[in-house]
Protein backbone atom coordinates (compact mmCIF):
# COMPACT_ATOMS: atom_id res chain seq x y z
CA UNK A 1 100.29 65.75 -14.26
CA UNK A 2 98.12 65.85 -11.13
CA UNK A 3 97.90 63.13 -8.52
CA UNK A 4 95.51 62.83 -5.58
CA UNK A 5 93.17 60.69 -3.53
CA UNK A 6 89.64 59.79 -4.60
CA UNK A 7 87.25 60.72 -1.78
CA UNK A 8 84.09 58.77 -1.08
CA UNK A 9 81.01 60.75 -0.19
CA UNK A 10 79.52 59.13 2.92
CA UNK A 11 76.13 60.62 2.11
CA UNK A 12 76.04 58.26 -0.86
CA UNK A 13 77.53 55.20 0.80
CA UNK A 14 75.54 55.36 4.05
CA UNK A 15 72.08 54.61 2.55
CA UNK A 16 73.57 51.62 0.75
CA UNK A 17 74.93 50.26 4.02
CA UNK A 18 71.61 50.82 5.74
CA UNK A 19 69.35 49.40 3.07
CA UNK A 20 71.26 46.91 0.96
CA UNK A 21 74.20 45.52 2.90
CA UNK A 22 72.14 42.78 4.53
CA UNK A 23 69.83 40.42 2.68
CA UNK A 24 67.66 39.85 5.75
CA UNK A 25 66.38 42.69 7.91
CA UNK A 26 66.24 40.67 11.13
CA UNK A 27 70.05 40.34 10.99
CA UNK A 28 70.30 43.67 12.84
CA UNK A 29 69.67 41.93 16.17
CA UNK A 30 72.35 39.31 15.53
CA UNK A 31 74.89 42.01 14.71
CA UNK A 32 74.15 44.18 17.72
CA UNK A 33 74.12 41.26 20.13
CA UNK A 34 77.38 40.00 18.61
CA UNK A 35 78.91 43.42 19.28
CA UNK A 36 77.70 43.23 22.88
CA UNK A 37 79.19 39.76 23.26
CA UNK A 38 82.46 41.07 21.81
CA UNK A 39 82.51 43.83 24.41
CA UNK A 40 82.21 41.21 27.15
CA UNK A 41 84.85 38.96 25.61
CA UNK A 42 87.26 41.87 25.30
CA UNK A 43 86.76 42.68 28.97
CA UNK A 44 87.51 39.06 29.94
CA UNK A 45 90.68 39.18 27.86
CA UNK A 46 91.89 42.41 29.46
CA UNK A 47 91.06 41.06 32.92
CA UNK A 48 93.07 37.89 32.27
CA UNK A 49 96.04 40.10 31.36
CA UNK A 50 95.69 42.14 34.55
CA UNK A 51 94.59 45.30 32.76
CA UNK A 52 91.23 45.52 34.56
CA UNK A 53 91.03 46.02 38.30
CA UNK A 54 88.33 44.58 40.52
CA UNK A 55 85.75 41.86 39.95
CA UNK A 56 84.03 41.71 36.60
CA UNK A 57 80.76 40.38 37.98
CA UNK A 58 78.44 38.26 35.84
CA UNK A 59 78.85 39.28 32.22
CA UNK A 60 75.53 39.30 30.42
CA UNK A 61 73.74 40.77 27.39
CA UNK A 62 70.15 41.88 27.95
CA UNK A 63 67.50 42.73 25.36
CA UNK A 64 64.48 44.77 26.42
CA UNK A 65 61.44 46.17 24.64
CA UNK A 66 59.57 49.39 25.44
CA UNK A 67 56.33 49.26 23.46
CA UNK A 68 55.13 52.73 24.44
CA UNK A 69 58.42 54.34 23.41
CA UNK A 70 58.77 51.99 20.40
CA UNK A 71 62.35 51.14 21.35
CA UNK A 72 64.57 48.09 21.66
CA UNK A 73 67.59 48.26 23.95
CA UNK A 74 70.62 45.97 23.77
CA UNK A 75 72.54 46.23 27.03
CA UNK A 76 75.91 44.79 28.00
CA UNK A 77 78.28 45.22 30.93
CA UNK A 78 81.38 44.69 28.87
CA UNK A 79 84.34 46.88 28.02
CA UNK A 80 82.40 50.06 27.22
CA UNK A 81 83.76 53.02 25.22
CA UNK A 82 85.09 56.50 25.81
CA UNK A 83 83.94 59.43 23.68
CA UNK A 84 87.20 59.17 21.73
CA UNK A 85 86.59 55.46 21.06
CA UNK A 86 83.05 56.17 19.85
CA UNK A 87 84.49 58.68 17.39
CA UNK A 88 87.09 56.14 16.26
CA UNK A 89 84.99 52.97 16.02
CA UNK A 90 81.46 54.23 15.28
CA UNK A 91 81.97 57.37 13.22
CA UNK A 92 84.59 55.83 10.94
CA UNK A 93 82.54 53.37 8.93
CA UNK A 94 84.18 50.00 8.29
CA UNK A 95 86.89 50.55 10.90
CA UNK A 96 86.71 47.27 12.72
CA UNK A 97 87.38 47.54 16.44
CA UNK A 98 87.38 43.77 16.69
CA UNK A 99 90.06 43.52 14.02
CA UNK A 100 92.26 46.08 15.81
CA UNK A 101 91.74 44.35 19.15
CA UNK A 102 92.65 40.94 17.70
CA UNK A 103 95.83 42.35 16.19
CA UNK A 104 96.86 43.64 19.63
CA UNK A 105 95.78 40.59 21.64
CA UNK A 106 96.06 37.84 19.04
CA UNK A 107 97.37 35.22 21.48
CA UNK A 108 94.44 35.41 23.88
CA UNK A 109 91.89 32.59 24.05
CA UNK A 110 88.63 34.57 24.10
CA UNK A 111 87.08 34.66 20.63
CA UNK A 112 85.98 37.97 19.17
CA UNK A 113 83.03 37.71 16.81
CA UNK A 114 82.94 41.01 14.95
CA UNK A 115 85.32 41.65 12.11
CA UNK A 116 84.10 44.02 9.44
CA UNK A 117 83.06 47.04 11.50
CA UNK A 118 79.81 47.47 9.60
CA UNK A 119 77.49 45.39 11.78
CA UNK A 120 76.45 48.28 14.00
CA UNK A 121 74.94 50.14 11.06
CA UNK A 122 72.47 47.32 10.43
CA UNK A 123 70.54 49.03 13.24
CA UNK A 124 69.44 51.70 10.76
CA UNK A 125 67.57 49.14 8.68
CA UNK A 126 64.86 49.19 11.36
CA UNK A 127 65.50 52.47 13.20
CA UNK A 128 64.82 56.15 12.58
CA UNK A 129 67.22 57.04 15.38
CA UNK A 130 69.93 55.13 17.24
CA UNK A 131 71.51 56.08 20.55
CA UNK A 132 74.58 54.71 22.29
CA UNK A 133 75.02 55.34 26.01
CA UNK A 134 78.30 53.90 27.22
CA UNK A 135 80.85 53.98 30.02
CA UNK A 136 84.32 52.56 29.58
CA UNK A 137 86.09 50.29 32.07
CA UNK A 138 88.73 53.05 32.04
CA UNK A 139 88.52 56.09 34.30
CA UNK A 140 86.69 58.27 31.82
CA UNK A 141 83.30 60.04 31.68
CA UNK A 142 80.33 58.21 30.20
CA UNK A 143 79.37 59.26 26.69
CA UNK A 144 76.25 59.42 24.53
CA UNK A 145 76.15 59.15 20.75
CA UNK A 146 73.02 59.83 18.71
CA UNK A 147 72.27 59.66 14.99
CA UNK A 148 69.06 59.87 12.95
CA UNK A 149 70.35 57.83 10.01
CA UNK A 150 71.91 60.73 8.20
CA UNK A 151 75.63 61.50 8.28
CA UNK A 152 75.05 63.89 11.19
CA UNK A 153 75.68 62.73 14.76
CA UNK A 154 76.14 64.17 18.22
CA UNK A 155 78.46 63.05 21.03
CA UNK A 156 77.96 64.34 24.56
CA UNK A 157 78.60 63.34 28.13
CA UNK A 158 76.06 60.92 29.64
CA UNK A 159 74.71 60.20 33.07
CA UNK A 160 75.82 56.54 33.38
CA UNK A 161 77.69 55.12 36.35
CA UNK A 162 78.00 51.43 35.51
CA UNK A 163 80.48 49.98 33.03
CA UNK A 164 79.05 48.83 29.70
CA UNK A 165 76.96 49.94 26.74
CA UNK A 166 73.29 50.45 25.92
CA UNK A 167 72.32 50.61 22.25
CA UNK A 168 68.81 52.07 21.95
CA UNK A 169 66.88 51.65 18.70
CA UNK A 170 63.94 53.96 17.99
CA UNK A 171 62.06 51.83 15.50
CA UNK A 172 60.66 52.90 12.17
CA UNK A 173 56.93 52.53 11.74
CA UNK A 174 57.48 49.68 9.28
CA UNK A 175 59.59 47.75 11.84
CA UNK A 176 57.17 47.64 14.76
CA UNK A 177 56.94 43.84 14.46
CA UNK A 178 60.14 43.78 16.53
CA UNK A 179 58.20 45.06 19.53
CA UNK A 180 56.49 41.68 19.72
CA UNK A 181 58.03 39.28 22.23
CA UNK A 182 57.54 36.23 20.01
CA UNK A 183 59.39 37.92 17.13
CA UNK A 184 62.42 38.73 19.26
CA UNK A 185 62.43 35.23 20.75
CA UNK A 186 62.29 33.77 17.24
CA UNK A 187 65.36 35.74 16.15
CA UNK A 188 67.29 34.99 19.34
CA UNK A 189 66.58 31.28 19.01
CA UNK A 190 67.79 31.31 15.43
CA UNK A 191 71.00 33.33 15.72
CA UNK A 192 72.00 33.52 19.37
CA UNK A 193 71.17 30.21 21.04
CA UNK A 194 74.83 29.21 21.47
CA UNK A 195 76.61 32.54 22.06
CA UNK A 196 79.46 32.33 24.61
CA UNK A 197 78.04 35.09 26.84
CA UNK A 198 74.62 34.77 28.51
CA UNK A 199 71.82 36.50 26.61
CA UNK A 200 68.75 37.45 28.62
CA UNK A 201 65.30 38.35 27.35
CA UNK A 202 62.20 38.73 29.54
CA UNK A 203 64.26 37.65 32.56
CA UNK A 204 65.13 34.35 30.91
CA UNK A 205 68.50 33.15 29.60
CA UNK A 206 67.91 32.00 26.04
CA UNK A 207 71.29 30.57 25.10
CA UNK A 208 73.60 27.68 25.97
CA UNK A 209 77.02 29.30 26.44
CA UNK A 210 78.90 25.99 26.39
CA UNK A 211 77.48 23.75 23.62
CA UNK A 212 79.00 20.30 23.36
CA UNK A 213 81.02 21.06 20.23
CA UNK A 214 83.11 23.42 22.38
CA UNK A 215 83.96 20.59 24.78
CA UNK A 216 86.42 17.73 24.41
CA UNK A 217 84.99 14.36 23.32
CA UNK A 218 86.61 12.72 26.37
CA UNK A 219 84.44 14.86 28.68
CA UNK A 220 81.16 13.81 27.04
CA UNK A 221 78.93 10.76 27.36
CA UNK A 222 76.50 9.26 24.87
CA UNK A 223 73.56 10.90 26.62
CA UNK A 224 75.19 14.33 26.14
CA UNK A 225 75.26 13.87 22.36
CA UNK A 226 71.70 12.56 22.28
CA UNK A 227 70.43 15.41 24.44
CA UNK A 228 72.09 17.95 22.15
CA UNK A 229 70.62 16.26 19.09
CA UNK A 230 67.16 16.51 20.63
CA UNK A 231 67.82 20.18 21.35
CA UNK A 232 68.68 20.77 17.69
CA UNK A 233 66.02 18.51 16.15
CA UNK A 234 63.14 17.88 18.54
CA UNK A 235 60.71 15.01 17.88
CA UNK A 236 63.08 13.11 15.57
CA UNK A 237 64.28 9.55 15.93
CA UNK A 238 67.61 9.01 17.63
CA UNK A 239 70.56 9.35 15.26
CA UNK A 240 72.53 6.30 14.20
CA UNK A 241 75.84 7.74 15.41
CA UNK A 242 77.87 10.94 15.32
CA UNK A 243 81.28 12.47 14.65
CA UNK A 244 82.88 15.04 16.93
CA UNK A 245 85.20 17.38 15.00
CA UNK A 246 87.98 19.26 16.76
CA UNK A 247 90.67 20.68 14.46
CA UNK A 248 93.08 23.52 15.20
CA UNK A 249 95.50 23.22 12.28
CA UNK A 250 95.77 24.21 9.42
CA UNK A 251 92.35 25.73 10.12
CA UNK A 252 90.08 25.91 13.13
CA UNK A 253 87.01 23.71 12.99
CA UNK A 254 84.79 22.28 15.70
CA UNK A 255 81.40 20.64 15.48
CA UNK A 256 79.28 17.54 15.82
CA UNK A 257 77.75 15.80 12.80
CA UNK A 258 74.97 13.26 13.23
CA UNK A 259 73.89 10.45 10.91
CA UNK A 260 70.07 10.49 11.00
CA UNK A 261 67.91 7.51 10.17
CA UNK A 262 66.90 7.67 6.52
CA UNK A 263 64.60 5.18 4.86
CA UNK A 264 65.07 4.18 1.22
CA UNK A 265 62.85 5.80 -1.41
CA UNK A 266 61.79 8.72 0.79
CA UNK A 267 62.19 12.41 0.14
CA UNK A 268 65.58 13.59 1.35
CA UNK A 269 65.75 16.88 3.24
CA UNK A 270 68.92 18.92 3.14
CA UNK A 271 69.92 22.12 4.96
CA UNK A 272 70.08 20.35 8.32
CA UNK A 273 73.71 21.27 9.12
CA UNK A 274 74.01 24.63 10.86
CA UNK A 275 77.12 26.75 10.28
CA UNK A 276 78.43 28.97 13.09
CA UNK A 277 81.34 31.36 13.39
CA UNK A 278 82.52 31.63 17.00
CA UNK A 279 79.11 30.33 18.14
CA UNK A 280 77.16 32.90 16.06
CA UNK A 281 74.73 31.28 13.62
CA UNK A 282 75.55 32.13 10.00
CA UNK A 283 73.54 29.85 7.73
CA UNK A 284 72.19 26.36 7.15
CA UNK A 285 73.16 26.44 3.46
CA UNK A 286 76.55 24.80 3.72
CA UNK A 287 77.05 23.46 0.18
CA UNK A 288 80.51 25.04 -0.15
CA UNK A 289 81.71 23.93 3.29
CA UNK A 290 80.37 20.39 3.25
CA UNK A 291 80.32 18.12 0.17
CA UNK A 292 76.79 17.94 -1.19
CA UNK A 293 76.50 14.22 -0.41
CA UNK A 294 77.09 15.01 3.28
CA UNK A 295 74.39 17.68 3.32
CA UNK A 296 72.12 14.78 4.28
CA UNK A 297 73.83 14.82 7.68
CA UNK A 298 72.64 16.91 10.60
CA UNK A 299 74.44 18.88 13.27
CA UNK A 300 76.72 21.86 13.73
CA UNK A 301 79.96 23.14 12.24
CA UNK A 302 81.77 26.11 13.80
CA UNK A 303 84.78 27.78 12.19
CA UNK A 304 86.11 31.34 12.34
CA UNK A 305 88.25 30.50 9.30
CA UNK A 306 85.37 30.29 6.84
CA UNK A 307 85.40 33.52 4.79
CA UNK A 308 82.16 35.46 4.65
CA UNK A 309 81.15 38.55 2.78
CA UNK A 310 80.98 41.81 4.72
CA UNK A 311 77.42 41.16 5.86
CA UNK A 312 78.27 37.62 6.95
CA UNK A 313 75.32 36.53 4.82
CA UNK A 314 77.11 34.53 2.15
CA UNK A 315 80.06 32.18 2.11
CA UNK A 316 83.03 32.91 -0.08
CA UNK A 317 85.02 30.02 -1.50
CA UNK A 318 88.77 29.91 -0.89
CA UNK A 319 91.44 27.30 -0.11
CA UNK A 320 90.38 27.05 3.54
CA UNK A 321 86.82 26.17 2.57
CA UNK A 322 88.07 23.44 0.25
CA UNK A 323 90.37 22.06 2.95
CA UNK A 324 87.54 22.02 5.48
CA UNK A 325 85.27 20.24 3.00
CA UNK A 326 87.93 17.60 2.33
CA UNK A 327 88.61 17.17 6.04
CA UNK A 328 84.95 16.65 6.86
CA UNK A 329 84.68 14.04 4.10
CA UNK A 330 87.77 12.20 5.39
CA UNK A 331 86.50 12.24 8.99
CA UNK A 332 83.17 10.78 7.87
CA UNK A 333 84.94 8.03 5.93
CA UNK A 334 87.23 7.29 8.89
CA UNK A 335 84.23 7.02 11.22
CA UNK A 336 82.37 4.66 8.89
CA UNK A 337 85.46 2.48 8.49
CA UNK A 338 85.89 2.39 12.27
CA UNK A 339 82.27 1.31 12.80
CA UNK A 340 82.55 -1.33 10.08
CA UNK A 341 85.78 -2.72 11.54
CA UNK A 342 84.82 -2.64 15.22
CA UNK A 343 81.27 -3.98 15.02
CA UNK A 344 80.32 -5.19 11.58
CA UNK A 345 77.02 -6.67 12.73
CA UNK A 346 75.82 -3.36 14.17
CA UNK A 347 77.09 -1.54 11.08
CA UNK A 348 75.18 -3.94 8.84
CA UNK A 349 71.98 -3.37 10.79
CA UNK A 350 72.32 0.37 10.13
CA UNK A 351 73.13 -0.08 6.44
CA UNK A 352 69.60 0.78 5.32
CA UNK A 353 70.35 4.40 6.29
CA UNK A 354 74.13 4.43 5.99
CA UNK A 355 74.04 3.02 2.48
CA UNK A 356 72.42 6.14 1.06
CA UNK A 357 75.25 8.35 2.36
CA UNK A 358 77.95 5.96 1.20
CA UNK A 359 76.58 5.44 -2.31
CA UNK A 360 75.91 9.14 -2.79
CA UNK A 361 79.47 9.91 -1.68
CA UNK A 362 80.92 7.27 -3.99
CA UNK A 363 79.06 8.77 -6.94
CA UNK A 364 80.14 12.33 -6.14
CA UNK A 365 83.71 12.11 -4.83
CA UNK A 366 86.55 9.97 -6.17
CA UNK A 367 88.55 10.27 -2.96
CA UNK A 368 85.57 9.16 -0.90
CA UNK A 369 85.04 6.30 -3.35
CA UNK A 370 88.57 5.02 -2.74
CA UNK A 371 88.03 5.09 1.03
CA UNK A 372 84.51 3.65 0.84
CA UNK A 373 85.56 0.47 -0.95
CA UNK A 374 86.49 -0.90 2.46
CA UNK A 375 83.06 -0.42 4.03
CA UNK A 376 80.49 -0.21 1.20
CA UNK A 377 78.15 -3.20 1.50
CA UNK A 378 76.13 -5.11 -1.08
CA UNK A 379 73.01 -7.00 -0.07
CA UNK A 380 71.74 -10.05 -1.94
CA UNK A 381 68.16 -11.25 -2.13
CA UNK A 382 68.85 -13.68 0.72
CA UNK A 383 69.60 -10.68 3.00
CA UNK A 384 73.32 -11.40 3.25
CA UNK A 385 75.84 -8.56 3.08
CA UNK A 386 79.25 -8.42 1.40
CA UNK A 387 81.94 -5.97 0.43
CA UNK A 388 82.50 -6.08 -3.30
CA UNK A 389 85.73 -8.05 -2.95
CA UNK A 390 83.96 -10.58 -0.73
CA UNK A 391 81.17 -10.86 -3.27
CA UNK A 392 83.62 -11.26 -6.13
CA UNK A 393 85.15 -14.27 -4.39
CA UNK A 394 81.69 -15.75 -3.70
CA UNK A 395 80.49 -15.73 -7.33
CA UNK A 396 83.76 -15.84 -9.27
CA UNK A 397 83.69 -19.53 -10.18
CA UNK A 398 80.04 -19.83 -11.13
CA UNK A 399 79.40 -16.39 -12.64
CA UNK A 400 82.35 -15.84 -14.95
CA UNK A 401 81.43 -15.89 -18.64
CA UNK A 402 83.34 -17.29 -21.61
CA UNK A 403 85.22 -14.00 -22.03
CA UNK A 404 86.51 -14.08 -18.45
CA UNK A 405 84.19 -11.31 -17.25
CA UNK A 406 82.57 -11.53 -13.84
CA UNK A 407 78.79 -11.21 -14.32
CA UNK A 408 76.95 -9.62 -11.40
CA UNK A 409 73.19 -10.21 -11.47
CA UNK A 410 70.79 -7.89 -9.68
CA UNK A 411 67.14 -7.10 -9.17
CA UNK A 412 65.46 -3.75 -8.69
CA UNK A 413 62.32 -5.28 -7.18
CA UNK A 414 62.50 -8.63 -5.45
CA UNK A 415 58.71 -9.03 -5.57
CA UNK A 416 57.84 -8.21 -9.18
CA UNK A 417 60.99 -9.95 -10.47
CA UNK A 418 60.62 -12.92 -8.12
CA UNK A 419 60.09 -15.47 -10.92
CA UNK A 420 63.26 -14.40 -12.72
CA UNK A 421 65.21 -14.45 -9.46
CA UNK A 422 64.13 -18.00 -8.74
CA UNK A 423 64.99 -19.12 -12.28
CA UNK A 424 68.58 -17.83 -12.07
CA UNK A 425 68.96 -19.17 -8.56
CA UNK A 426 67.95 -22.60 -9.89
CA UNK A 427 70.91 -22.24 -12.23
CA UNK A 428 73.16 -21.73 -9.19
CA UNK A 429 73.53 -17.95 -9.55
CA UNK A 430 73.38 -15.30 -6.83
CA UNK A 431 71.40 -12.05 -7.12
CA UNK A 432 72.12 -8.64 -5.56
CA UNK A 433 69.38 -6.24 -4.49
CA UNK A 434 69.62 -2.75 -6.00
CA UNK A 435 66.29 -1.13 -5.15
CA UNK A 436 67.34 2.28 -3.77
CA UNK A 437 66.76 5.71 -5.25
CA UNK A 438 70.42 6.03 -6.30
CA UNK A 439 70.95 2.51 -7.55
CA UNK A 440 70.21 3.17 -11.23
CA UNK A 441 73.26 5.45 -11.25
CA UNK A 442 75.25 3.32 -8.82
CA UNK A 443 75.05 0.20 -11.00
CA UNK A 444 76.53 2.06 -13.97
CA UNK A 445 79.22 3.64 -11.82
CA UNK A 446 80.18 0.28 -10.33
CA UNK A 447 80.46 -1.32 -13.74
CA UNK A 448 82.73 1.50 -14.95
CA UNK A 449 85.06 1.33 -11.96
CA UNK A 450 85.34 -2.40 -11.26
CA UNK A 451 87.73 -4.10 -13.63
CA UNK A 452 86.44 -6.89 -15.88
CA UNK A 453 82.89 -6.80 -14.49
CA UNK A 454 79.49 -6.87 -16.22
CA UNK A 455 76.32 -6.03 -14.30
CA UNK A 456 72.99 -7.31 -15.61
CA UNK A 457 69.46 -7.30 -14.26
CA UNK A 458 67.94 -10.76 -13.92
CA UNK A 459 65.53 -10.10 -16.79
CA UNK A 460 68.16 -8.79 -19.22
CA UNK A 461 68.27 -12.16 -21.03
CA UNK A 462 67.48 -15.82 -20.62
CA UNK A 463 69.48 -17.59 -17.86
CA UNK A 464 71.71 -19.38 -20.37
CA UNK A 465 72.64 -16.08 -22.03
CA UNK A 466 72.88 -13.89 -18.93
CA UNK A 467 76.14 -15.64 -18.19
CA UNK A 468 77.20 -16.97 -21.56
CA UNK A 469 79.69 -19.74 -20.96
CA UNK A 470 79.88 -20.72 -24.62
CA UNK A 471 77.80 -23.86 -24.16
CA UNK A 472 75.07 -24.04 -26.80
CA UNK A 473 71.74 -25.50 -25.70
CA UNK A 474 70.10 -28.02 -28.02
CA UNK A 475 66.54 -27.39 -29.13
CA UNK A 476 64.01 -30.19 -29.37
CA UNK A 477 62.45 -28.37 -32.33
CA UNK A 478 63.77 -28.39 -35.88
CA UNK A 479 64.76 -25.14 -37.54
CA UNK A 480 61.54 -25.22 -39.57
CA UNK A 481 59.42 -25.74 -36.43
CA UNK A 482 61.27 -22.93 -34.66
CA UNK A 483 60.58 -20.55 -37.54
CA UNK A 484 56.92 -21.57 -37.64
CA UNK A 485 56.58 -21.02 -33.89
CA UNK A 486 58.09 -17.54 -34.21
CA UNK A 487 55.72 -16.62 -37.04
CA UNK A 488 52.70 -17.80 -35.06
CA UNK A 489 53.65 -15.58 -32.09
CA UNK A 490 54.35 -12.55 -34.29
CA UNK A 491 51.00 -12.92 -36.05
CA UNK A 492 49.01 -13.48 -32.85
CA UNK A 493 50.63 -10.85 -30.63
CA UNK A 494 51.20 -8.19 -33.31
CA UNK A 495 53.44 -6.14 -30.98
CA UNK A 496 55.50 -3.55 -32.85
CA UNK A 497 57.49 -2.74 -29.68
CA UNK A 498 58.41 -6.40 -29.10
CA UNK A 499 61.08 -8.49 -30.82
CA UNK A 500 60.05 -12.17 -30.98
CA UNK A 501 62.94 -14.57 -30.37
CA UNK A 502 63.16 -18.35 -30.07
CA UNK A 503 65.82 -19.85 -27.82
CA UNK A 504 66.32 -23.32 -26.35
CA UNK A 505 66.34 -23.36 -22.55
CA UNK A 506 65.59 -25.72 -19.70
CA UNK A 507 62.10 -27.22 -19.83
CA UNK A 508 61.84 -26.14 -16.17
CA UNK A 509 62.04 -22.48 -17.17
CA UNK A 510 59.06 -20.37 -18.26
CA UNK A 511 57.53 -21.10 -21.69
CA UNK A 512 57.93 -17.42 -22.58
CA UNK A 513 60.09 -14.73 -20.96
CA UNK A 514 60.00 -10.95 -21.28
CA UNK A 515 63.55 -9.61 -21.41
CA UNK A 516 65.06 -6.19 -21.98
CA UNK A 517 68.59 -5.52 -23.09
CA UNK A 518 70.53 -4.04 -20.16
CA UNK A 519 71.84 -1.26 -22.38
CA UNK A 520 68.41 -0.44 -23.83
CA UNK A 521 66.76 -0.43 -20.43
CA UNK A 522 69.40 1.89 -18.94
CA UNK A 523 68.95 4.33 -21.82
CA UNK A 524 65.17 4.28 -21.36
CA UNK A 525 65.41 4.75 -17.58
CA UNK A 526 67.82 7.66 -18.01
CA UNK A 527 65.40 9.31 -20.45
CA UNK A 528 62.50 8.78 -18.04
CA UNK A 529 64.51 10.45 -15.28
CA UNK A 530 64.97 13.52 -17.47
CA UNK A 531 68.69 13.04 -18.08
CA UNK A 532 68.03 13.83 -21.73
CA UNK A 533 64.96 14.83 -23.70
CA UNK A 534 64.57 12.02 -26.22
CA UNK A 535 61.21 10.24 -26.21
CA UNK A 536 62.21 6.57 -26.37
CA UNK A 537 59.85 3.64 -27.00
CA UNK A 538 59.68 0.87 -24.39
CA UNK A 539 61.27 -1.94 -26.41
CA UNK A 540 61.45 -5.49 -25.11
CA UNK A 541 62.00 -9.07 -26.24
CA UNK A 542 59.50 -11.91 -26.16
CA UNK A 543 61.72 -14.97 -25.82
CA UNK A 544 60.03 -18.33 -26.57
CA UNK A 545 61.53 -21.36 -24.85
CA UNK A 546 61.58 -23.93 -27.67
CA UNK A 547 62.23 -26.75 -25.19
CA UNK A 548 59.16 -26.08 -23.07
CA UNK A 549 56.26 -28.54 -23.58
CA UNK A 550 53.90 -25.64 -24.27
CA UNK A 551 55.86 -24.72 -27.41
CA UNK A 552 55.37 -28.21 -28.83
CA UNK A 553 51.71 -28.11 -27.83
CA UNK A 554 51.18 -24.83 -29.70
CA UNK A 555 52.68 -26.32 -32.86
CA UNK A 556 50.56 -29.47 -32.51
CA UNK A 557 47.30 -27.56 -32.00
CA UNK A 558 45.33 -27.31 -35.26
CA UNK A 559 42.39 -25.29 -33.95
CA UNK A 560 43.32 -21.70 -34.64
CA UNK A 561 41.29 -20.21 -31.77
CA UNK A 562 42.76 -22.65 -29.25
CA UNK A 563 46.26 -21.98 -30.58
CA UNK A 564 45.81 -18.23 -30.22
CA UNK A 565 44.56 -18.74 -26.65
CA UNK A 566 47.68 -20.78 -25.81
CA UNK A 567 49.98 -18.14 -27.29
CA UNK A 568 48.15 -15.33 -25.50
CA UNK A 569 48.19 -17.31 -22.25
CA UNK A 570 51.97 -17.96 -22.45
CA UNK A 571 52.64 -14.30 -23.27
CA UNK A 572 50.47 -13.05 -20.40
CA UNK A 573 52.17 -15.53 -18.08
CA UNK A 574 55.44 -13.82 -19.01
CA UNK A 575 53.90 -10.40 -18.33
CA UNK A 576 52.64 -11.67 -14.99
CA UNK A 577 56.13 -12.81 -14.02
CA UNK A 578 57.31 -9.22 -14.57
CA UNK A 579 54.47 -7.64 -12.62
CA UNK A 580 53.22 -6.12 -15.87
CA UNK A 581 49.76 -7.70 -15.80
CA UNK A 582 47.26 -5.75 -13.73
CA UNK A 583 43.59 -4.80 -13.48
CA UNK A 584 41.14 -6.32 -15.97
CA UNK A 585 43.98 -7.93 -17.92
CA UNK A 586 44.95 -9.88 -14.83
CA UNK A 587 41.32 -10.91 -14.23
CA UNK A 588 40.97 -12.17 -17.81
CA UNK A 589 44.24 -14.11 -17.50
CA UNK A 590 43.08 -15.88 -14.34
CA UNK A 591 39.77 -16.75 -15.99
CA UNK A 592 41.50 -18.27 -19.03
CA UNK A 593 43.94 -20.15 -16.80
CA UNK A 594 41.04 -21.77 -14.93
CA UNK A 595 39.43 -22.78 -18.23
CA UNK A 596 42.70 -24.29 -19.50
CA UNK A 597 43.18 -26.29 -16.31
CA UNK A 598 39.60 -27.59 -16.54
CA UNK A 599 40.10 -28.66 -20.15
CA UNK A 600 43.32 -30.47 -19.28
CA UNK A 601 41.49 -32.45 -16.61
């Protein structure tokens, strides 16, 4: 038996690192600047421990372009390296100097960004040659390292007198776009705008080294949060409110999340939360870190405890990510409950935007649903707002059916369903408004989770049957007359998609009503939204009010043409009450109505 160690050929692995490790070529600048920031942070740490003599001076990272030489230089005046350290940290791929430094100085407060030890090699994605000229803070000669992208390198002494490091990139011909000022500024603005060490380009500092999420809430005023929001999202309306996160156990998480103004029935934009790790921008795709229903929020989250892949390009799910997601959800719920409790009137005024977040969260997260019961509001057609328990108490006496179920009535369009709303209100019933983009789903969810509750749209049945209290209405027509009336409507209308029904109702109600079974309508709406592929017909009921004077008039009319006109008129009146009569059909209806009125006179 023979045992041994498998050796990896760096000539094979190095091209993979250069070409395929990172999904986005421009990442090279983020990685190199992060390394430069690390060098400065390490120097600050050593100075605080008394291991560096003298003044540090202003620590700064500078980026410069030389168009004629086709080079980019990243300069820092941080810790620097000796020749031995170059050999240890640069020549040994994936040996993370940041990781070793953290292990030695783990109790220091300065955050080190780098971790994997591969970031430096992203330089070869855009460079045909890379040089490092560096001088350590220690009493050691300056050193120069040079590599052309192969596994061959040189290390020699350098003529450098000041502490720090210059990384010089000699760009490939296909990477000359990075010699353009606007391109560098674009990358710096994206990845480096909140780094903790000043970053200078073209003699201008491009970053805010102390963003508000790194400060304590007690030290900030409202204008600070609004100013930061404008910095993140220029030209947008002011946010409704915000949440400042500051957690140090069992994970580290800081950030500020804003609730933007969102109007109902508008396109919702996600990817507005930016994820940082120690103030380095990582991504704005935060689905694993933030519950999807909170992706509608805006702002910043910063956590060094979120696991990334080696290129820091993709998030990796683990228990910390799940804990952070749950914590963010709880903090949002706590904030909403606080606003609701402390100033309900102001909370209600914001409900148009808040409601979308709350309902989405209720639909997606059972824990959020339990918390949201306290502050989820329901608006009726009279523009009054209630929690569900408040609403239950309001309607319990009048809207409980014969089986003891609470019947909640709602409308999806207060204008087109206005006639039906007024009819049920005349019966003493209240009507909720569910006209948002999520409300089709929310109604079903509510019915499933509220005990002993039925939810029906105002046109699901006639008023007497919407809330069936077991009291039969008496018809003024005989059974024979009722059957004759039904046959006349079926013959005249000849609607295969409509079921003709005769029911006694108040003579103050419409002569004919269009109703749709709540169950049938929900199935049809779900199909229309693509929830399943069945092609369902639009079935509805034509309900004739046998107690309305028009029904008796139709039976008494002997002229067949006049009788057909009356039936058509009553049917179109029902369509009109549903907003289903438009265009030329509406014009013809108005014309016939004028003729009928003239004849009656």
